[in-house]
Amino acid sequence: YSPGGEFLPHYDANEYMHRIITVLLYLNGEGETWFPLALQDTHDAQAPAKANPPPQATLAAAVNGQLDPSHDGLLLCPRKGDAVAFYNLIDDGSDQVDLFSLHAGLPASVEKRVATLWYSIT
């Protein structure tokens, strides 16, 4: 990405691309990745159980830019050499997209270098 470049909220899998896992490798540690629907602590007993799909209003708010990275979802602020891996499909053999895998590359103040690996089923 060039300075100011971004990647709007999206999914890495769909009915045509069965990408099971995405791995993002942060080559220079610049820029942030945001998962607007993710829970910050999935082990928190007080956190509401998540259902797939998320409530329609929540999904619409995420897609329409009504959620804020500063207080909604999970915001990753990587360092050089960090990596993050996440599942794109529900782990039940149905090949359904996990709607909680919605993510975005937020605008970076300087050049952002990321390598992406996708693991797919054929």
N, C-alpha and C. Protein backbone atom coordinates (compact mmCIF):
# COMPACT_ATOMS: atom_id res chain seq x y z
N TYR A 1 0.83 -1.16 0.00
CA TYR A 1 0.00 0.00 0.00
C TYR A 1 0.89 1.24 0.00
N SER A 2 0.48 2.23 -0.73
CA SER A 2 1.12 3.54 -0.66
C SER A 2 0.61 4.26 0.58
N PRO A 3 1.29 5.33 1.02
CA PRO A 3 0.77 6.08 2.17
C PRO A 3 -0.69 6.48 1.92
N GLY A 4 -1.53 6.25 2.91
CA GLY A 4 -2.95 6.55 2.79
C GLY A 4 -3.76 5.43 2.15
N GLY A 5 -3.08 4.45 1.58
CA GLY A 5 -3.79 3.33 0.94
C GLY A 5 -4.50 2.47 1.96
N GLU A 6 -5.60 1.87 1.54
CA GLU A 6 -6.37 1.03 2.45
C GLU A 6 -7.05 -0.09 1.67
N PHE A 7 -7.55 -1.06 2.39
CA PHE A 7 -8.33 -2.15 1.82
C PHE A 7 -9.61 -2.22 2.63
N LEU A 8 -10.72 -1.83 2.03
CA LEU A 8 -11.99 -1.75 2.73
C LEU A 8 -12.42 -3.11 3.27
N PRO A 9 -13.36 -3.15 4.23
CA PRO A 9 -13.79 -4.43 4.80
C PRO A 9 -14.20 -5.44 3.73
N HIS A 10 -13.69 -6.66 3.89
CA HIS A 10 -13.91 -7.70 2.89
C HIS A 10 -13.70 -9.08 3.50
N TYR A 11 -14.09 -10.08 2.74
CA TYR A 11 -13.85 -11.48 3.09
C TYR A 11 -12.85 -12.06 2.11
N ASP A 12 -12.03 -13.00 2.56
CA ASP A 12 -11.06 -13.66 1.68
C ASP A 12 -11.61 -14.93 1.06
N ALA A 13 -12.83 -15.32 1.43
CA ALA A 13 -13.44 -16.53 0.88
C ALA A 13 -14.86 -16.20 0.42
N ASN A 14 -15.33 -16.99 -0.53
CA ASN A 14 -16.72 -16.90 -0.97
C ASN A 14 -17.08 -18.23 -1.61
N GLU A 15 -18.22 -18.28 -2.29
CA GLU A 15 -18.64 -19.57 -2.86
C GLU A 15 -17.72 -20.06 -3.98
N TYR A 16 -16.88 -19.18 -4.53
CA TYR A 16 -15.97 -19.57 -5.60
C TYR A 16 -14.54 -19.79 -5.12
N MET A 17 -14.17 -19.11 -4.04
CA MET A 17 -12.82 -19.21 -3.48
C MET A 17 -12.91 -19.82 -2.09
N HIS A 18 -12.56 -21.06 -1.96
CA HIS A 18 -12.66 -21.77 -0.68
C HIS A 18 -11.34 -21.65 0.08
N ARG A 19 -10.99 -20.43 0.41
CA ARG A 19 -9.77 -20.18 1.18
C ARG A 19 -10.06 -20.47 2.64
N ILE A 20 -9.46 -21.52 3.14
CA ILE A 20 -9.71 -21.94 4.53
C ILE A 20 -9.05 -20.98 5.51
N ILE A 21 -7.80 -20.68 5.26
CA ILE A 21 -7.01 -19.87 6.20
C ILE A 21 -6.30 -18.76 5.43
N THR A 22 -6.22 -17.59 6.05
CA THR A 22 -5.40 -16.49 5.55
C THR A 22 -4.29 -16.25 6.56
N VAL A 23 -3.08 -16.02 6.05
CA VAL A 23 -1.95 -15.63 6.89
C VAL A 23 -1.44 -14.30 6.34
N LEU A 24 -1.42 -13.28 7.18
CA LEU A 24 -0.87 -11.98 6.82
C LEU A 24 0.49 -11.83 7.46
N LEU A 25 1.50 -11.56 6.65
CA LEU A 25 2.87 -11.35 7.12
C LEU A 25 3.19 -9.86 7.00
N TYR A 26 3.51 -9.24 8.10
CA TYR A 26 3.77 -7.81 8.12
C TYR A 26 5.26 -7.58 7.89
N LEU A 27 5.59 -7.13 6.70
CA LEU A 27 6.99 -7.03 6.30
C LEU A 27 7.71 -5.82 6.86
N ASN A 28 6.98 -4.71 7.05
CA ASN A 28 7.64 -3.54 7.62
C ASN A 28 6.96 -3.02 8.88
N GLY A 29 5.92 -3.70 9.34
CA GLY A 29 5.28 -3.34 10.60
C GLY A 29 4.49 -2.05 10.56
N GLU A 30 4.08 -1.62 9.40
CA GLU A 30 3.31 -0.38 9.28
C GLU A 30 1.85 -0.70 8.96
N GLY A 31 0.96 0.15 9.42
CA GLY A 31 -0.46 -0.03 9.13
C GLY A 31 -1.12 -0.97 10.11
N GLU A 32 -2.43 -0.98 10.09
CA GLU A 32 -3.21 -1.78 11.02
C GLU A 32 -4.22 -2.63 10.25
N THR A 33 -4.57 -3.76 10.84
CA THR A 33 -5.62 -4.62 10.29
C THR A 33 -6.73 -4.68 11.31
N TRP A 34 -7.95 -4.51 10.81
CA TRP A 34 -9.11 -4.42 11.70
C TRP A 34 -10.11 -5.51 11.37
N PHE A 35 -10.56 -6.21 12.40
CA PHE A 35 -11.62 -7.21 12.30
C PHE A 35 -12.83 -6.62 13.03
N PRO A 36 -13.73 -5.94 12.32
CA PRO A 36 -14.80 -5.20 12.99
C PRO A 36 -15.80 -6.05 13.76
N LEU A 37 -15.94 -7.32 13.42
CA LEU A 37 -16.93 -8.17 14.09
C LEU A 37 -16.32 -9.13 15.10
N ALA A 38 -15.00 -9.13 15.22
CA ALA A 38 -14.32 -10.07 16.11
C ALA A 38 -14.50 -9.68 17.57
N LEU A 39 -14.53 -10.69 18.42
CA LEU A 39 -14.53 -10.46 19.86
C LEU A 39 -13.08 -10.36 20.30
N GLN A 40 -12.79 -9.45 21.22
CA GLN A 40 -11.41 -9.28 21.65
C GLN A 40 -10.93 -10.41 22.53
N ASP A 41 -11.81 -11.00 23.33
CA ASP A 41 -11.42 -12.08 24.21
C ASP A 41 -12.47 -13.18 24.12
N THR A 42 -12.19 -14.21 23.34
CA THR A 42 -13.17 -15.27 23.15
C THR A 42 -13.28 -16.18 24.37
N HIS A 43 -12.41 -16.00 25.36
CA HIS A 43 -12.46 -16.81 26.57
C HIS A 43 -13.20 -16.09 27.70
N ASP A 44 -13.70 -14.89 27.42
CA ASP A 44 -14.39 -14.09 28.43
C ASP A 44 -15.78 -14.67 28.66
N ALA A 45 -16.03 -15.14 29.86
CA ALA A 45 -17.32 -15.75 30.19
C ALA A 45 -18.45 -14.74 30.10
N GLN A 46 -18.15 -13.45 30.24
CA GLN A 46 -19.18 -12.42 30.16
C GLN A 46 -19.50 -12.03 28.72
N ALA A 47 -18.63 -12.39 27.77
CA ALA A 47 -18.86 -12.02 26.37
C ALA A 47 -20.04 -12.81 25.82
N PRO A 48 -20.88 -12.16 25.04
CA PRO A 48 -22.02 -12.89 24.46
C PRO A 48 -21.52 -13.94 23.47
N ALA A 49 -22.22 -15.06 23.42
CA ALA A 49 -21.86 -16.09 22.46
C ALA A 49 -22.08 -15.55 21.06
N LYS A 50 -21.16 -15.84 20.15
CA LYS A 50 -21.35 -15.34 18.80
C LYS A 50 -22.04 -16.40 17.95
N ALA A 51 -22.87 -15.93 17.09
CA ALA A 51 -23.60 -16.81 16.18
C ALA A 51 -23.25 -16.44 14.76
N ASN A 52 -23.22 -17.39 13.90
CA ASN A 52 -22.93 -17.13 12.50
C ASN A 52 -24.22 -17.33 11.73
N PRO A 53 -24.81 -16.34 11.10
CA PRO A 53 -24.24 -15.02 10.90
C PRO A 53 -24.46 -14.12 12.11
N PRO A 54 -23.64 -13.04 12.18
CA PRO A 54 -23.86 -12.07 13.24
C PRO A 54 -25.21 -11.38 13.01
N PRO A 55 -25.74 -10.72 14.01
CA PRO A 55 -27.00 -10.01 13.81
C PRO A 55 -26.92 -9.12 12.57
N GLN A 56 -27.96 -9.10 11.77
CA GLN A 56 -27.97 -8.39 10.49
C GLN A 56 -27.60 -6.92 10.66
N ALA A 57 -28.08 -6.29 11.72
CA ALA A 57 -27.77 -4.88 11.94
C ALA A 57 -26.28 -4.67 12.17
N THR A 58 -25.65 -5.59 12.89
CA THR A 58 -24.21 -5.48 13.16
C THR A 58 -23.42 -5.67 11.88
N LEU A 59 -23.79 -6.65 11.07
CA LEU A 59 -23.10 -6.89 9.80
C LEU A 59 -23.26 -5.68 8.88
N ALA A 60 -24.47 -5.15 8.78
CA ALA A 60 -24.72 -3.98 7.94
C ALA A 60 -23.91 -2.77 8.43
N ALA A 61 -23.84 -2.59 9.73
CA ALA A 61 -23.07 -1.47 10.28
C ALA A 61 -21.60 -1.59 9.93
N ALA A 62 -21.06 -2.81 9.97
CA ALA A 62 -19.65 -3.03 9.63
C ALA A 62 -19.39 -2.72 8.16
N VAL A 63 -20.24 -3.22 7.30
CA VAL A 63 -20.06 -3.05 5.86
C VAL A 63 -20.26 -1.59 5.46
N ASN A 64 -21.16 -0.89 6.12
CA ASN A 64 -21.48 0.50 5.77
C ASN A 64 -20.61 1.53 6.48
N GLY A 65 -19.57 1.08 7.15
CA GLY A 65 -18.65 2.01 7.79
C GLY A 65 -19.18 2.67 9.05
N GLN A 66 -20.14 2.05 9.71
CA GLN A 66 -20.72 2.64 10.91
C GLN A 66 -20.05 2.14 12.19
N LEU A 67 -19.10 1.24 12.07
CA LEU A 67 -18.34 0.80 13.24
C LEU A 67 -17.01 1.53 13.24
N ASP A 68 -16.39 1.61 14.41
CA ASP A 68 -15.18 2.39 14.57
C ASP A 68 -14.05 1.50 15.10
N PRO A 69 -12.90 1.49 14.41
CA PRO A 69 -11.78 0.65 14.86
C PRO A 69 -11.29 0.97 16.26
N SER A 70 -11.54 2.16 16.75
CA SER A 70 -11.04 2.52 18.08
C SER A 70 -11.82 1.86 19.21
N HIS A 71 -13.06 1.36 18.92
CA HIS A 71 -13.80 0.70 20.00
C HIS A 71 -14.64 -0.48 19.55
N ASP A 72 -14.65 -0.82 18.28
CA ASP A 72 -15.41 -1.98 17.81
C ASP A 72 -14.46 -3.05 17.27
N GLY A 73 -14.77 -4.30 17.57
CA GLY A 73 -14.00 -5.40 17.01
C GLY A 73 -12.60 -5.51 17.58
N LEU A 74 -11.69 -5.99 16.74
CA LEU A 74 -10.30 -6.24 17.13
C LEU A 74 -9.38 -5.50 16.17
N LEU A 75 -8.51 -4.66 16.70
CA LEU A 75 -7.57 -3.89 15.91
C LEU A 75 -6.16 -4.43 16.15
N LEU A 76 -5.49 -4.86 15.08
CA LEU A 76 -4.13 -5.38 15.18
C LEU A 76 -3.15 -4.29 14.75
N CYS A 77 -2.16 -4.05 15.58
CA CYS A 77 -1.12 -3.07 15.31
C CYS A 77 0.21 -3.83 15.26
N PRO A 78 0.57 -4.34 14.10
CA PRO A 78 1.71 -5.25 14.01
C PRO A 78 3.06 -4.54 14.09
N ARG A 79 4.05 -5.35 14.43
CA ARG A 79 5.44 -4.93 14.35
C ARG A 79 6.07 -5.66 13.16
N LYS A 80 7.19 -5.18 12.71
CA LYS A 80 7.90 -5.81 11.61
C LYS A 80 8.16 -7.28 11.95
N GLY A 81 7.79 -8.17 11.03
CA GLY A 81 8.00 -9.60 11.22
C GLY A 81 6.83 -10.33 11.85
N ASP A 82 5.82 -9.60 12.33
CA ASP A 82 4.64 -10.25 12.90
C ASP A 82 3.82 -10.93 11.81
N ALA A 83 3.01 -11.87 12.23
CA ALA A 83 2.07 -12.55 11.32
C ALA A 83 0.78 -12.82 12.09
N VAL A 84 -0.31 -12.86 11.35
CA VAL A 84 -1.59 -13.24 11.93
C VAL A 84 -2.24 -14.25 10.98
N ALA A 85 -2.84 -15.27 11.56
CA ALA A 85 -3.56 -16.28 10.78
C ALA A 85 -4.99 -16.32 11.28
N PHE A 86 -5.93 -16.47 10.35
CA PHE A 86 -7.33 -16.57 10.75
C PHE A 86 -8.08 -17.46 9.76
N TYR A 87 -9.12 -18.09 10.26
CA TYR A 87 -9.97 -18.94 9.45
C TYR A 87 -10.99 -18.10 8.70
N ASN A 88 -11.27 -18.48 7.48
CA ASN A 88 -12.26 -17.81 6.65
C ASN A 88 -13.56 -18.59 6.55
N LEU A 89 -13.51 -19.88 6.82
CA LEU A 89 -14.68 -20.74 6.70
C LEU A 89 -15.04 -21.32 8.06
N ILE A 90 -16.31 -21.61 8.25
CA ILE A 90 -16.76 -22.25 9.48
C ILE A 90 -16.23 -23.67 9.49
N ASP A 91 -15.76 -24.12 10.63
CA ASP A 91 -15.14 -25.44 10.76
C ASP A 91 -16.18 -26.52 11.03
N ASP A 92 -17.10 -26.69 10.07
CA ASP A 92 -18.12 -27.74 10.21
C ASP A 92 -18.30 -28.54 8.92
N GLY A 93 -17.40 -28.32 7.95
CA GLY A 93 -17.48 -29.04 6.68
C GLY A 93 -18.48 -28.47 5.70
N SER A 94 -19.14 -27.38 6.04
CA SER A 94 -20.17 -26.82 5.16
C SER A 94 -19.61 -25.88 4.10
N ASP A 95 -18.36 -25.48 4.21
CA ASP A 95 -17.73 -24.50 3.31
C ASP A 95 -18.42 -23.13 3.37
N GLN A 96 -19.12 -22.84 4.45
CA GLN A 96 -19.74 -21.52 4.61
C GLN A 96 -18.71 -20.53 5.13
N VAL A 97 -18.77 -19.33 4.60
CA VAL A 97 -17.87 -18.26 5.05
C VAL A 97 -18.19 -17.92 6.50
N ASP A 98 -17.14 -17.80 7.31
CA ASP A 98 -17.30 -17.33 8.69
C ASP A 98 -17.43 -15.82 8.61
N LEU A 99 -18.63 -15.32 8.83
CA LEU A 99 -18.88 -13.89 8.66
C LEU A 99 -18.10 -13.03 9.63
N PHE A 100 -17.58 -13.63 10.70
CA PHE A 100 -16.76 -12.89 11.65
C PHE A 100 -15.34 -12.67 11.13
N SER A 101 -14.99 -13.26 9.98
CA SER A 101 -13.65 -13.06 9.42
C SER A 101 -13.55 -11.77 8.59
N LEU A 102 -14.61 -10.98 8.56
CA LEU A 102 -14.58 -9.69 7.88
C LEU A 102 -13.39 -8.89 8.40
N HIS A 103 -12.59 -8.33 7.50
CA HIS A 103 -11.42 -7.58 7.92
C HIS A 103 -11.10 -6.47 6.93
N ALA A 104 -10.27 -5.52 7.39
CA ALA A 104 -9.90 -4.37 6.57
C ALA A 104 -8.46 -3.99 6.85
N GLY A 105 -7.78 -3.51 5.82
CA GLY A 105 -6.47 -2.90 5.98
C GLY A 105 -6.68 -1.41 6.12
N LEU A 106 -6.44 -0.86 7.31
CA LEU A 106 -6.70 0.55 7.54
C LEU A 106 -5.63 1.42 6.89
N PRO A 107 -5.98 2.68 6.59
CA PRO A 107 -5.00 3.57 5.94
C PRO A 107 -3.72 3.67 6.76
N ALA A 108 -2.60 3.58 6.09
CA ALA A 108 -1.30 3.69 6.74
C ALA A 108 -0.71 5.07 6.48
N SER A 109 0.00 5.60 7.44
CA SER A 109 0.60 6.92 7.27
C SER A 109 1.84 6.87 6.38
N VAL A 110 2.46 5.71 6.29
CA VAL A 110 3.63 5.50 5.42
C VAL A 110 3.37 4.23 4.61
N GLU A 111 4.28 3.88 3.73
CA GLU A 111 4.11 2.68 2.91
C GLU A 111 3.94 1.44 3.81
N LYS A 112 2.95 0.63 3.47
CA LYS A 112 2.66 -0.60 4.22
C LYS A 112 2.98 -1.79 3.32
N ARG A 113 3.77 -2.71 3.85
CA ARG A 113 4.14 -3.91 3.08
C ARG A 113 3.65 -5.15 3.82
N VAL A 114 2.76 -5.88 3.15
CA VAL A 114 2.15 -7.09 3.71
C VAL A 114 2.21 -8.18 2.66
N ALA A 115 2.58 -9.37 3.06
CA ALA A 115 2.49 -10.53 2.18
C ALA A 115 1.31 -11.38 2.68
N THR A 116 0.54 -11.89 1.76
CA THR A 116 -0.64 -12.68 2.12
C THR A 116 -0.51 -14.09 1.58
N LEU A 117 -0.78 -15.06 2.44
CA LEU A 117 -0.82 -16.48 2.03
C LEU A 117 -2.24 -16.98 2.25
N TRP A 118 -2.79 -17.64 1.24
CA TRP A 118 -4.11 -18.22 1.37
C TRP A 118 -3.97 -19.73 1.23
N TYR A 119 -4.61 -20.46 2.12
CA TYR A 119 -4.65 -21.91 2.04
C TYR A 119 -6.05 -22.31 1.65
N SER A 120 -6.16 -23.02 0.54
CA SER A 120 -7.46 -23.34 -0.05
C SER A 120 -7.66 -24.83 -0.10
N ILE A 121 -8.95 -25.22 -0.25
CA ILE A 121 -9.29 -26.60 -0.52
C ILE A 121 -9.64 -26.69 -1.98
N THR A 122 -9.40 -27.83 -2.57
CA THR A 122 -9.69 -27.97 -4.01
C THR A 122 -10.84 -28.90 -4.23
